[in-house]
């Protein structure tokens, strides 16, 4: 069911257009510059300072309110229970397809939220670090399904989030290199009990899947206090993916250490054909069968238009 069809029936979401959404935080200043945007934005995402002002400034204000409410609840609950335990990090999950712009949204929100006086410590962890190393994926015959739920070390990711929400002083996550297309041995991203933790990835809203080796009913999103799904039409996602591939062919792919160096010499026609093949055989099946079905589990859905701008916001009712 599309978002329009879902909203036509009784919907669990409130719907906002760009103008209405922007007005929600009209008195809140935007603490970003053009230099910030250039540093934060990923290749092909085309997020302008105006878009940050219209969409992400109100979103950061809303998330700040949610975080403050969580802190207040912790305080009064602690008083009631006579519990002085320190509040654990407020965790925000960001999901969506390949090429939807998740990484840029995550970095934008991390920067904006860190500039609110109540949440100065905001950290970001992409779930790419919890992909199995290529050697393991090759051994299990999963290299062609990299990015699918089964290609992640779900147990390690759940353990990481459990430690974060348990209040551990330091928790380490493996680091992934997109240039090397693999986990970097011995390198980690260490989280130091932040005020807010942003977790970004393809399948972070996936429901629990029990198997012969895993019987837990826990899901990654069980540890989220708020979740965001970056939505767009499939045709736009496909086009954005191809455009990004063509751009990377002239930049990152040319580096000697790049795992994709062999694609740097392809012609436009050859590179486009290859990117479309990867989309049709890998990214589209993952989107249709694993990622898109999790959209309705999000606290907020950002619906992007063909030009990358967010046209509609759907906020779950409380």
C-alpha atoms as a PDB file:
ATOM      1  CA  UNK A   1       0.000   0.000   0.000  1.00  0.00           C
ATOM      2  CA  UNK A   2       1.377   3.431  -0.960  1.00  0.00           C
ATOM      3  CA  UNK A   3       1.524   6.306   1.510  1.00  0.00           C
ATOM      4  CA  UNK A   4      -1.337   8.055  -0.315  1.00  0.00           C
ATOM      5  CA  UNK A   5      -3.510   4.948  -0.119  1.00  0.00           C
ATOM      6  CA  UNK A   6      -2.586   4.474   3.515  1.00  0.00           C
ATOM      7  CA  UNK A   7      -3.527   8.049   4.319  1.00  0.00           C
ATOM      8  CA  UNK A   8      -6.841   7.729   2.452  1.00  0.00           C
ATOM      9  CA  UNK A   9      -7.974   5.189   5.049  1.00  0.00           C
ATOM     10  CA  UNK A  10      -7.657   5.750   8.774  1.00  0.00           C
ATOM     11  CA  UNK A  11      -3.964   6.482   9.118  1.00  0.00           C
ATOM     12  CA  UNK A  12      -1.687   6.308  12.174  1.00  0.00           C
ATOM     13  CA  UNK A  13       0.250   9.264  10.743  1.00  0.00           C
ATOM     14  CA  UNK A  14      -0.187  13.030  10.703  1.00  0.00           C
ATOM     15  CA  UNK A  15       0.648  14.468   7.279  1.00  0.00           C
ATOM     16  CA  UNK A  16       2.559  17.706   6.599  1.00  0.00           C
ATOM     17  CA  UNK A  17       3.529  19.468   3.383  1.00  0.00           C
ATOM     18  CA  UNK A  18       6.766  21.467   3.166  1.00  0.00           C
ATOM     19  CA  UNK A  19       5.253  24.839   4.046  1.00  0.00           C
ATOM     20  CA  UNK A  20       3.284  23.563   7.037  1.00  0.00           C
ATOM     21  CA  UNK A  21       6.247  21.583   8.343  1.00  0.00           C
ATOM     22  CA  UNK A  22       8.623  24.536   8.098  1.00  0.00           C
ATOM     23  CA  UNK A  23       6.257  26.768  10.097  1.00  0.00           C
ATOM     24  CA  UNK A  24       6.398  24.386  13.070  1.00  0.00           C
ATOM     25  CA  UNK A  25       9.794  25.723  14.133  1.00  0.00           C
ATOM     26  CA  UNK A  26       9.663  29.228  12.686  1.00  0.00           C
ATOM     27  CA  UNK A  27      11.303  30.782  15.771  1.00  0.00           C
ATOM     28  CA  UNK A  28      14.187  28.308  15.870  1.00  0.00           C
ATOM     29  CA  UNK A  29      17.423  29.561  14.233  1.00  0.00           C
ATOM     30  CA  UNK A  30      19.300  27.350  11.781  1.00  0.00           C
ATOM     31  CA  UNK A  31      22.841  26.857  13.166  1.00  0.00           C
ATOM     32  CA  UNK A  32      24.308  25.770   9.824  1.00  0.00           C
ATOM     33  CA  UNK A  33      26.364  27.457   7.119  1.00  0.00           C
ATOM     34  CA  UNK A  34      27.001  26.676   3.459  1.00  0.00           C
ATOM     35  CA  UNK A  35      30.338  25.196   4.551  1.00  0.00           C
ATOM     36  CA  UNK A  36      28.538  22.839   6.951  1.00  0.00           C
ATOM     37  CA  UNK A  37      26.240  21.664   4.159  1.00  0.00           C
ATOM     38  CA  UNK A  38      29.140  21.049   1.783  1.00  0.00           C
ATOM     39  CA  UNK A  39      30.904  18.966   4.434  1.00  0.00           C
ATOM     40  CA  UNK A  40      27.820  16.981   5.442  1.00  0.00           C
ATOM     41  CA  UNK A  41      26.198  16.248   2.090  1.00  0.00           C
ATOM     42  CA  UNK A  42      26.979  12.990   0.304  1.00  0.00           C
ATOM     43  CA  UNK A  43      27.592  12.860  -3.419  1.00  0.00           C
ATOM     44  CA  UNK A  44      24.328  13.210  -5.344  1.00  0.00           C
ATOM     45  CA  UNK A  45      22.083  14.069  -2.399  1.00  0.00           C
ATOM     46  CA  UNK A  46      21.729  17.747  -3.361  1.00  0.00           C
ATOM     47  CA  UNK A  47      20.670  19.054   0.056  1.00  0.00           C
ATOM     48  CA  UNK A  48      20.809  22.852   0.067  1.00  0.00           C
ATOM     49  CA  UNK A  49      20.928  25.229   3.003  1.00  0.00           C
ATOM     50  CA  UNK A  50      17.304  26.153   2.184  1.00  0.00           C
ATOM     51  CA  UNK A  51      16.267  22.488   2.339  1.00  0.00           C
ATOM     52  CA  UNK A  52      18.044  22.106   5.672  1.00  0.00           C
ATOM     53  CA  UNK A  53      16.145  25.132   6.937  1.00  0.00           C
ATOM     54  CA  UNK A  54      12.744  23.959   5.700  1.00  0.00           C
ATOM     55  CA  UNK A  55      12.952  20.270   6.622  1.00  0.00           C
ATOM     56  CA  UNK A  56      15.768  19.400   8.987  1.00  0.00           C
ATOM     57  CA  UNK A  57      15.605  22.408  11.307  1.00  0.00           C
ATOM     58  CA  UNK A  58      11.988  21.582  12.339  1.00  0.00           C
ATOM     59  CA  UNK A  59      12.886  17.894  12.542  1.00  0.00           C
ATOM     60  CA  UNK A  60      15.795  18.616  14.882  1.00  0.00           C
ATOM     61  CA  UNK A  61      13.464  20.743  17.031  1.00  0.00           C
ATOM     62  CA  UNK A  62      10.952  17.894  17.228  1.00  0.00           C
ATOM     63  CA  UNK A  63      13.656  15.373  18.112  1.00  0.00           C
ATOM     64  CA  UNK A  64      15.021  17.724  20.756  1.00  0.00           C
ATOM     65  CA  UNK A  65      11.546  17.889  22.316  1.00  0.00           C
ATOM     66  CA  UNK A  66      11.303  14.093  22.300  1.00  0.00           C
ATOM     67  CA  UNK A  67      14.729  13.802  23.895  1.00  0.00           C
ATOM     68  CA  UNK A  68      13.797  16.346  26.584  1.00  0.00           C
ATOM     69  CA  UNK A  69      10.570  14.463  27.287  1.00  0.00           C
ATOM     70  CA  UNK A  70      12.550  11.246  27.631  1.00  0.00           C
ATOM     71  CA  UNK A  71      14.902  12.925  30.086  1.00  0.00           C
ATOM     72  CA  UNK A  72      11.970  14.249  32.126  1.00  0.00           C
ATOM     73  CA  UNK A  73      10.364  10.795  32.190  1.00  0.00           C
ATOM     74  CA  UNK A  74      13.649   9.296  33.377  1.00  0.00           C
ATOM     75  CA  UNK A  75      13.829  11.884  36.156  1.00  0.00           C
ATOM     76  CA  UNK A  76      10.303  11.404  37.530  1.00  0.00           C
ATOM     77  CA  UNK A  77      10.499   7.643  37.099  1.00  0.00           C
ATOM     78  CA  UNK A  78      13.781   7.610  39.021  1.00  0.00           C
ATOM     79  CA  UNK A  79      12.203   9.640  41.813  1.00  0.00           C
ATOM     80  CA  UNK A  80       9.295   7.224  41.989  1.00  0.00           C
ATOM     81  CA  UNK A  81      11.534   4.132  42.024  1.00  0.00           C
ATOM     82  CA  UNK A  82      14.248   5.729  44.208  1.00  0.00           C
ATOM     83  CA  UNK A  83      16.665   4.977  41.380  1.00  0.00           C
ATOM     84  CA  UNK A  84      19.556   7.352  40.689  1.00  0.00           C
ATOM     85  CA  UNK A  85      20.825   5.531  37.590  1.00  0.00           C
ATOM     86  CA  UNK A  86      22.129   7.872  34.867  1.00  0.00           C
ATOM     87  CA  UNK A  87      19.847   8.295  31.882  1.00  0.00           C
ATOM     88  CA  UNK A  88      20.883   6.190  28.898  1.00  0.00           C
ATOM     89  CA  UNK A  89      21.360   7.636  25.387  1.00  0.00           C
ATOM     90  CA  UNK A  90      18.339   8.590  23.308  1.00  0.00           C
ATOM     91  CA  UNK A  91      18.634   6.445  20.161  1.00  0.00           C
ATOM     92  CA  UNK A  92      17.366   7.515  16.733  1.00  0.00           C
ATOM     93  CA  UNK A  93      17.237   5.012  13.865  1.00  0.00           C
ATOM     94  CA  UNK A  94      17.331   6.038  10.190  1.00  0.00           C
ATOM     95  CA  UNK A  95      16.297   3.540   7.498  1.00  0.00           C
ATOM     96  CA  UNK A  96      15.742   3.581   3.752  1.00  0.00           C
ATOM     97  CA  UNK A  97      16.947   2.299   0.403  1.00  0.00           C
ATOM     98  CA  UNK A  98      20.361   2.466  -1.162  1.00  0.00           C
ATOM     99  CA  UNK A  99      20.753   5.973  -2.685  1.00  0.00           C
ATOM    100  CA  UNK A 100      17.890   7.433  -0.600  1.00  0.00           C
ATOM    101  CA  UNK A 101      20.261   9.789   1.222  1.00  0.00           C
ATOM    102  CA  UNK A 102      20.307   8.151   4.671  1.00  0.00           C
ATOM    103  CA  UNK A 103      23.926   9.072   5.381  1.00  0.00           C
ATOM    104  CA  UNK A 104      23.382  12.746   4.616  1.00  0.00           C
ATOM    105  CA  UNK A 105      20.229  12.877   6.751  1.00  0.00           C
ATOM    106  CA  UNK A 106      22.091  11.169   9.603  1.00  0.00           C
ATOM    107  CA  UNK A 107      25.008  13.623   9.437  1.00  0.00           C
ATOM    108  CA  UNK A 108      22.663  16.625   9.178  1.00  0.00           C
ATOM    109  CA  UNK A 109      20.711  15.550  12.232  1.00  0.00           C
ATOM    110  CA  UNK A 110      23.864  14.751  14.195  1.00  0.00           C
ATOM    111  CA  UNK A 111      25.194  18.258  13.494  1.00  0.00           C
ATOM    112  CA  UNK A 112      21.904  20.029  14.226  1.00  0.00           C
ATOM    113  CA  UNK A 113      21.112  18.073  17.389  1.00  0.00           C
ATOM    114  CA  UNK A 114      24.607  18.618  18.779  1.00  0.00           C
ATOM    115  CA  UNK A 115      24.003  22.369  18.596  1.00  0.00           C
ATOM    116  CA  UNK A 116      20.996  22.226  20.908  1.00  0.00           C
ATOM    117  CA  UNK A 117      22.085  23.130  24.458  1.00  0.00           C
ATOM    118  CA  UNK A 118      20.403  20.037  25.950  1.00  0.00           C
ATOM    119  CA  UNK A 119      22.163  17.494  23.717  1.00  0.00           C
ATOM    120  CA  UNK A 120      25.778  18.553  23.100  1.00  0.00           C
ATOM    121  CA  UNK A 121      27.055  14.977  22.735  1.00  0.00           C
ATOM    122  CA  UNK A 122      25.595  13.351  19.614  1.00  0.00           C
ATOM    123  CA  UNK A 123      27.279  10.388  17.935  1.00  0.00           C
ATOM    124  CA  UNK A 124      26.584   8.502  14.714  1.00  0.00           C
ATOM    125  CA  UNK A 125      27.048   4.812  13.939  1.00  0.00           C
ATOM    126  CA  UNK A 126      26.289   3.363  10.468  1.00  0.00           C
ATOM    127  CA  UNK A 127      25.287  -0.297  10.569  1.00  0.00           C
ATOM    128  CA  UNK A 128      27.638  -1.025   7.642  1.00  0.00           C
ATOM    129  CA  UNK A 129      30.203  -1.830  10.325  1.00  0.00           C
ATOM    130  CA  UNK A 130      28.110  -4.821  11.320  1.00  0.00           C
ATOM    131  CA  UNK A 131      28.223  -6.417   7.883  1.00  0.00           C
ATOM    132  CA  UNK A 132      30.109  -9.690   7.962  1.00  0.00           C
ATOM    133  CA  UNK A 133      33.637  -9.346   6.502  1.00  0.00           C
ATOM    134  CA  UNK A 134      33.865 -10.235   2.816  1.00  0.00           C
ATOM    135  CA  UNK A 135      35.730 -13.433   3.678  1.00  0.00           C
ATOM    136  CA  UNK A 136      32.749 -14.624   5.718  1.00  0.00           C
ATOM    137  CA  UNK A 137      30.245 -13.536   3.072  1.00  0.00           C
ATOM    138  CA  UNK A 138      32.218 -15.410   0.399  1.00  0.00           C
ATOM    139  CA  UNK A 139      32.406 -18.519   2.588  1.00  0.00           C
ATOM    140  CA  UNK A 140      28.631 -18.429   3.083  1.00  0.00           C
ATOM    141  CA  UNK A 141      27.841 -17.605  -0.545  1.00  0.00           C
ATOM    142  CA  UNK A 142      26.388 -14.213   0.399  1.00  0.00           C
ATOM    143  CA  UNK A 143      28.569 -11.739  -1.528  1.00  0.00           C
ATOM    144  CA  UNK A 144      25.785 -11.192  -4.065  1.00  0.00           C
ATOM    145  CA  UNK A 145      23.402 -10.472  -1.176  1.00  0.00           C
ATOM    146  CA  UNK A 146      25.547  -7.914   0.601  1.00  0.00           C
ATOM    147  CA  UNK A 147      23.175  -5.463   2.282  1.00  0.00           C
ATOM    148  CA  UNK A 148      20.428  -8.051   2.711  1.00  0.00           C
ATOM    149  CA  UNK A 149      19.456  -8.817   6.341  1.00  0.00           C
ATOM    150  CA  UNK A 150      21.390 -12.106   6.370  1.00  0.00           C
ATOM    151  CA  UNK A 151      24.653 -10.340   5.452  1.00  0.00           C
ATOM    152  CA  UNK A 152      24.768  -8.554   8.831  1.00  0.00           C
ATOM    153  CA  UNK A 153      26.074  -9.866  12.128  1.00  0.00           C
ATOM    154  CA  UNK A 154      22.732  -9.215  13.791  1.00  0.00           C
ATOM    155  CA  UNK A 155      23.826 -10.640  17.126  1.00  0.00           C
ATOM    156  CA  UNK A 156      26.789  -8.227  17.306  1.00  0.00           C
ATOM    157  CA  UNK A 157      24.571  -5.264  16.393  1.00  0.00           C
ATOM    158  CA  UNK A 158      21.995  -6.193  19.031  1.00  0.00           C
ATOM    159  CA  UNK A 159      24.759  -6.613  21.610  1.00  0.00           C
ATOM    160  CA  UNK A 160      26.184  -3.187  20.703  1.00  0.00           C
ATOM    161  CA  UNK A 161      22.799  -1.481  21.129  1.00  0.00           C
ATOM    162  CA  UNK A 162      22.063  -3.382  24.338  1.00  0.00           C
ATOM    163  CA  UNK A 163      25.318  -2.073  25.822  1.00  0.00           C
ATOM    164  CA  UNK A 164      24.549   1.479  24.685  1.00  0.00           C
ATOM    165  CA  UNK A 165      21.057   1.409  26.183  1.00  0.00           C
ATOM    166  CA  UNK A 166      22.462  -0.326  29.257  1.00  0.00           C
ATOM    167  CA  UNK A 167      24.557   2.765  29.968  1.00  0.00           C
ATOM    168  CA  UNK A 168      28.026   1.386  29.238  1.00  0.00           C
ATOM    169  CA  UNK A 169      30.699   4.104  29.371  1.00  0.00           C
ATOM    170  CA  UNK A 170      32.265   2.995  26.077  1.00  0.00           C
ATOM    171  CA  UNK A 171      30.947   0.685  23.350  1.00  0.00           C
ATOM    172  CA  UNK A 172      32.877  -0.115  20.169  1.00  0.00           C
ATOM    173  CA  UNK A 173      31.420  -0.818  16.729  1.00  0.00           C
ATOM    174  CA  UNK A 174      33.412  -2.265  13.805  1.00  0.00           C
ATOM    175  CA  UNK A 175      34.337   0.191  11.069  1.00  0.00           C
ATOM    176  CA  UNK A 176      33.459  -0.324   7.417  1.00  0.00           C
ATOM    177  CA  UNK A 177      35.309   1.201   4.463  1.00  0.00           C
ATOM    178  CA  UNK A 178      33.197   1.931   1.373  1.00  0.00           C
ATOM    179  CA  UNK A 179      36.426   2.468  -0.528  1.00  0.00           C
ATOM    180  CA  UNK A 180      37.704  -1.011   0.363  1.00  0.00           C
ATOM    181  CA  UNK A 181      34.161  -2.462   0.316  1.00  0.00           C
ATOM    182  CA  UNK A 182      34.941  -4.397   3.488  1.00  0.00           C
ATOM    183  CA  UNK A 183      35.301  -4.249   7.258  1.00  0.00           C
ATOM    184  CA  UNK A 184      38.590  -2.621   8.327  1.00  0.00           C
ATOM    185  CA  UNK A 185      40.385  -5.122  10.616  1.00  0.00           C
ATOM    186  CA  UNK A 186      41.227  -3.716  14.029  1.00  0.00           C
ATOM    187  CA  UNK A 187      39.469  -0.371  13.506  1.00  0.00           C
ATOM    188  CA  UNK A 188      36.382   0.637  15.467  1.00  0.00           C
ATOM    189  CA  UNK A 189      34.010   3.520  16.110  1.00  0.00           C
ATOM    190  CA  UNK A 190      33.771   4.032  19.871  1.00  0.00           C
ATOM    191  CA  UNK A 191      30.599   5.487  21.392  1.00  0.00           C
ATOM    192  CA  UNK A 192      31.120   7.339  24.689  1.00  0.00           C
ATOM    193  CA  UNK A 193      27.698   7.422  26.380  1.00  0.00           C
ATOM    194  CA  UNK A 194      26.298  10.248  24.197  1.00  0.00           C
ATOM    195  CA  UNK A 195      23.153  12.250  24.849  1.00  0.00           C
ATOM    196  CA  UNK A 196      21.857  11.035  21.488  1.00  0.00           C
ATOM    197  CA  UNK A 197      23.014   8.183  19.262  1.00  0.00           C
ATOM    198  CA  UNK A 198      21.995   8.132  15.590  1.00  0.00           C
ATOM    199  CA  UNK A 199      22.008   4.660  14.005  1.00  0.00           C
ATOM    200  CA  UNK A 200      21.731   4.572  10.207  1.00  0.00           C
ATOM    201  CA  UNK A 201      21.278   1.580   7.909  1.00  0.00           C
ATOM    202  CA  UNK A 202      19.249  -0.252   5.289  1.00  0.00           C
ATOM    203  CA  UNK A 203      17.529  -2.769   7.523  1.00  0.00           C
ATOM    204  CA  UNK A 204      17.398  -1.147  10.956  1.00  0.00           C
ATOM    205  CA  UNK A 205      13.586  -1.407  11.079  1.00  0.00           C
ATOM    206  CA  UNK A 206      13.579  -5.104  10.174  1.00  0.00           C
ATOM    207  CA  UNK A 207      11.320  -7.351  12.231  1.00  0.00           C
ATOM    208  CA  UNK A 208      12.780 -10.229  14.235  1.00  0.00           C
ATOM    209  CA  UNK A 209      13.647 -13.358  12.275  1.00  0.00           C
ATOM    210  CA  UNK A 210      14.262 -16.485  14.280  1.00  0.00           C
ATOM    211  CA  UNK A 211      16.398 -19.274  12.838  1.00  0.00           C
ATOM    212  CA  UNK A 212      18.099 -22.494  13.901  1.00  0.00           C
ATOM    213  CA  UNK A 213      21.022 -20.483  15.263  1.00  0.00           C
ATOM    214  CA  UNK A 214      19.082 -17.473  16.597  1.00  0.00           C
ATOM    215  CA  UNK A 215      15.974 -17.732  18.752  1.00  0.00           C
ATOM    216  CA  UNK A 216      15.838 -14.180  20.091  1.00  0.00           C
ATOM    217  CA  UNK A 217      12.755 -12.148  19.276  1.00  0.00           C
ATOM    218  CA  UNK A 218      14.655  -8.890  19.786  1.00  0.00           C
ATOM    219  CA  UNK A 219      14.864  -6.456  16.888  1.00  0.00           C
ATOM    220  CA  UNK A 220      17.291  -3.607  16.295  1.00  0.00           C
ATOM    221  CA  UNK A 221      14.409  -1.132  16.472  1.00  0.00           C
ATOM    222  CA  UNK A 222      13.525  -2.352  19.987  1.00  0.00           C
ATOM    223  CA  UNK A 223      16.413  -0.132  21.100  1.00  0.00           C
ATOM    224  CA  UNK A 224      15.196   2.947  19.204  1.00  0.00           C
ATOM    225  CA  UNK A 225      13.410   5.816  20.906  1.00  0.00           C
ATOM    226  CA  UNK A 226      12.528   7.356  17.533  1.00  0.00           C
ATOM    227  CA  UNK A 227      12.850   6.087  13.962  1.00  0.00           C
ATOM    228  CA  UNK A 228      12.892   7.746  10.534  1.00  0.00           C
ATOM    229  CA  UNK A 229      12.308   6.168   7.122  1.00  0.00           C
ATOM    230  CA  UNK A 230      13.624   7.990   4.025  1.00  0.00           C
ATOM    231  CA  UNK A 231      11.113   7.226   1.270  1.00  0.00           C
ATOM    232  CA  UNK A 232      11.164   7.862  -2.494  1.00  0.00           C
ATOM    233  CA  UNK A 233       9.673   6.439  -5.677  1.00  0.00           C
ATOM    234  CA  UNK A 234      11.514   3.364  -6.896  1.00  0.00           C
ATOM    235  CA  UNK A 235      12.217   4.969 -10.281  1.00  0.00           C
ATOM    236  CA  UNK A 236      13.899   7.922  -8.565  1.00  0.00           C
ATOM    237  CA  UNK A 237      15.985   5.682  -6.305  1.00  0.00           C
ATOM    238  CA  UNK A 238      17.119   3.721  -9.353  1.00  0.00           C
ATOM    239  CA  UNK A 239      18.115   6.898 -11.204  1.00  0.00           C
ATOM    240  CA  UNK A 240      19.906   8.335  -8.174  1.00  0.00           C
ATOM    241  CA  UNK A 241      21.858   5.095  -7.771  1.00  0.00           C
ATOM    242  CA  UNK A 242      23.023   5.170 -11.398  1.00  0.00           C
ATOM    243  CA  UNK A 243      23.954   8.859 -11.181  1.00  0.00           C
ATOM    244  CA  UNK A 244      25.953   8.222  -8.019  1.00  0.00           C
ATOM    245  CA  UNK A 245      27.757   5.282  -9.601  1.00  0.00           C
ATOM    246  CA  UNK A 246      28.721   7.398 -12.625  1.00  0.00           C
ATOM    247  CA  UNK A 247      29.996  10.172 -10.344  1.00  0.00           C
ATOM    248  CA  UNK A 248      32.005   7.775  -8.168  1.00  0.00           C
ATOM    249  CA  UNK A 249      33.576   6.280 -11.296  1.00  0.00           C
ATOM    250  CA  UNK A 250      35.361   9.623 -11.813  1.00  0.00           C
ATOM    251  CA  UNK A 251      36.279  10.183  -8.148  1.00  0.00           C
ATOM    252  CA  UNK A 252      36.546   7.491  -5.460  1.00  0.00           C
ATOM    253  CA  UNK A 253      36.847   4.625  -7.954  1.00  0.00           C
ATOM    254  CA  UNK A 254      40.058   6.127  -9.373  1.00  0.00           C
ATOM    255  CA  UNK A 255      41.948   5.792  -6.082  1.00  0.00           C
ATOM    256  CA  UNK A 256      44.551   2.994  -6.017  1.00  0.00           C
ATOM    257  CA  UNK A 257      43.098   1.474  -2.823  1.00  0.00           C
ATOM    258  CA  UNK A 258      39.533   1.403  -4.176  1.00  0.00           C
ATOM    259  CA  UNK A 259      37.900  -2.017  -4.510  1.00  0.00           C
ATOM    260  CA  UNK A 260      36.063  -0.589  -7.540  1.00  0.00           C
ATOM    261  CA  UNK A 261      39.106   0.678  -9.433  1.00  0.00           C
ATOM    262  CA  UNK A 262      38.310  -1.657 -12.333  1.00  0.00           C
ATOM    263  CA  UNK A 263      35.165   0.385 -13.047  1.00  0.00           C
ATOM    264  CA  UNK A 264      36.987   3.721 -13.379  1.00  0.00           C
ATOM    265  CA  UNK A 265      37.845   3.070 -17.050  1.00  0.00           C
ATOM    266  CA  UNK A 266      34.315   2.108 -18.124  1.00  0.00           C
ATOM    267  CA  UNK A 267      32.540   4.268 -20.663  1.00  0.00           C
ATOM    268  CA  UNK A 268      29.302   6.018 -19.687  1.00  0.00           C
ATOM    269  CA  UNK A 269      27.309   3.351 -21.522  1.00  0.00           C
ATOM    270  CA  UNK A 270      29.189   0.475 -19.881  1.00  0.00           C
ATOM    271  CA  UNK A 271      29.008   2.021 -16.406  1.00  0.00           C
ATOM    272  CA  UNK A 272      25.295   2.740 -16.737  1.00  0.00           C
ATOM    273  CA  UNK A 273      24.590  -0.811 -17.892  1.00  0.00           C
ATOM    274  CA  UNK A 274      26.544  -2.258 -14.961  1.00  0.00           C
ATOM    275  CA  UNK A 275      24.869   0.015 -12.388  1.00  0.00           C
ATOM    276  CA  UNK A 276      21.420  -0.903 -13.723  1.00  0.00           C
ATOM    277  CA  UNK A 277      22.299  -4.591 -13.523  1.00  0.00           C
ATOM    278  CA  UNK A 278      23.354  -4.229  -9.862  1.00  0.00           C
ATOM    279  CA  UNK A 279      20.174  -2.302  -9.119  1.00  0.00           C
ATOM    280  CA  UNK A 280      17.909  -4.862 -10.761  1.00  0.00           C
ATOM    281  CA  UNK A 281      19.638  -7.936  -9.337  1.00  0.00           C
ATOM    282  CA  UNK A 282      20.608  -6.730  -5.842  1.00  0.00           C
ATOM    283  CA  UNK A 283      19.281  -3.372  -4.694  1.00  0.00           C
ATOM    284  CA  UNK A 284      15.748  -3.611  -6.034  1.00  0.00           C
ATOM    285  CA  UNK A 285      15.014  -7.075  -4.555  1.00  0.00           C
ATOM    286  CA  UNK A 286      16.388  -5.926  -1.200  1.00  0.00           C
ATOM    287  CA  UNK A 287      14.268  -2.782  -1.357  1.00  0.00           C
ATOM    288  CA  UNK A 288      11.049  -4.554  -2.345  1.00  0.00           C
ATOM    289  CA  UNK A 289      11.325  -7.583  -0.072  1.00  0.00           C
ATOM    290  CA  UNK A 290      13.217  -6.274   2.971  1.00  0.00           C
ATOM    291  CA  UNK A 291      13.450  -2.494   3.227  1.00  0.00           C
ATOM    292  CA  UNK A 292      10.190  -1.033   1.928  1.00  0.00           C
ATOM    293  CA  UNK A 293       7.974  -3.343   4.044  1.00  0.00           C
ATOM    294  CA  UNK A 294       9.525  -1.770   7.176  1.00  0.00           C
ATOM    295  CA  UNK A 295       8.389   1.749   6.239  1.00  0.00           C
ATOM    296  CA  UNK A 296       5.196   1.580   8.292  1.00  0.00           C
ATOM    297  CA  UNK A 297       7.195   0.774  11.427  1.00  0.00           C
ATOM    298  CA  UNK A 298       8.850   4.214  11.454  1.00  0.00           C
ATOM    299  CA  UNK A 299       7.955   7.045  13.811  1.00  0.00           C
ATOM    300  CA  UNK A 300       8.364   9.495  10.927  1.00  0.00           C
ATOM    301  CA  UNK A 301       8.473   9.052   7.143  1.00  0.00           C
ATOM    302  CA  UNK A 302      10.214  11.613   4.924  1.00  0.00           C
ATOM    303  CA  UNK A 303       8.888  11.338   1.366  1.00  0.00           C
ATOM    304  CA  UNK A 304      11.361  12.652  -1.218  1.00  0.00           C
ATOM    305  CA  UNK A 305      10.496  13.994  -4.662  1.00  0.00           C
ATOM    306  CA  UNK A 306      12.433  13.420  -7.885  1.00  0.00           C
ATOM    307  CA  UNK A 307      14.717  16.406  -7.169  1.00  0.00           C
ATOM    308  CA  UNK A 308      15.742  14.987  -3.742  1.00  0.00           C
ATOM    309  CA  UNK A 309      13.623  17.553  -1.894  1.00  0.00           C
ATOM    310  CA  UNK A 310      11.290  16.290   0.820  1.00  0.00           C
ATOM    311  CA  UNK A 311       7.717  16.856  -0.327  1.00  0.00           C
ATOM    312  CA  UNK A 312       5.753  15.282   2.531  1.00  0.00           C
ATOM    313  CA  UNK A 313       6.356  14.384   6.162  1.00  0.00           C
ATOM    314  CA  UNK A 314       4.324  11.678   7.880  1.00  0.00           C
ATOM    315  CA  UNK A 315       4.550  11.734  11.688  1.00  0.00           C
ATOM    316  CA  UNK A 316       3.123   8.877  13.703  1.00  0.00           C
ATOM    317  CA  UNK A 317       0.353   9.960  16.059  1.00  0.00           C
ATOM    318  CA  UNK A 318       0.851   9.650  19.822  1.00  0.00           C
END
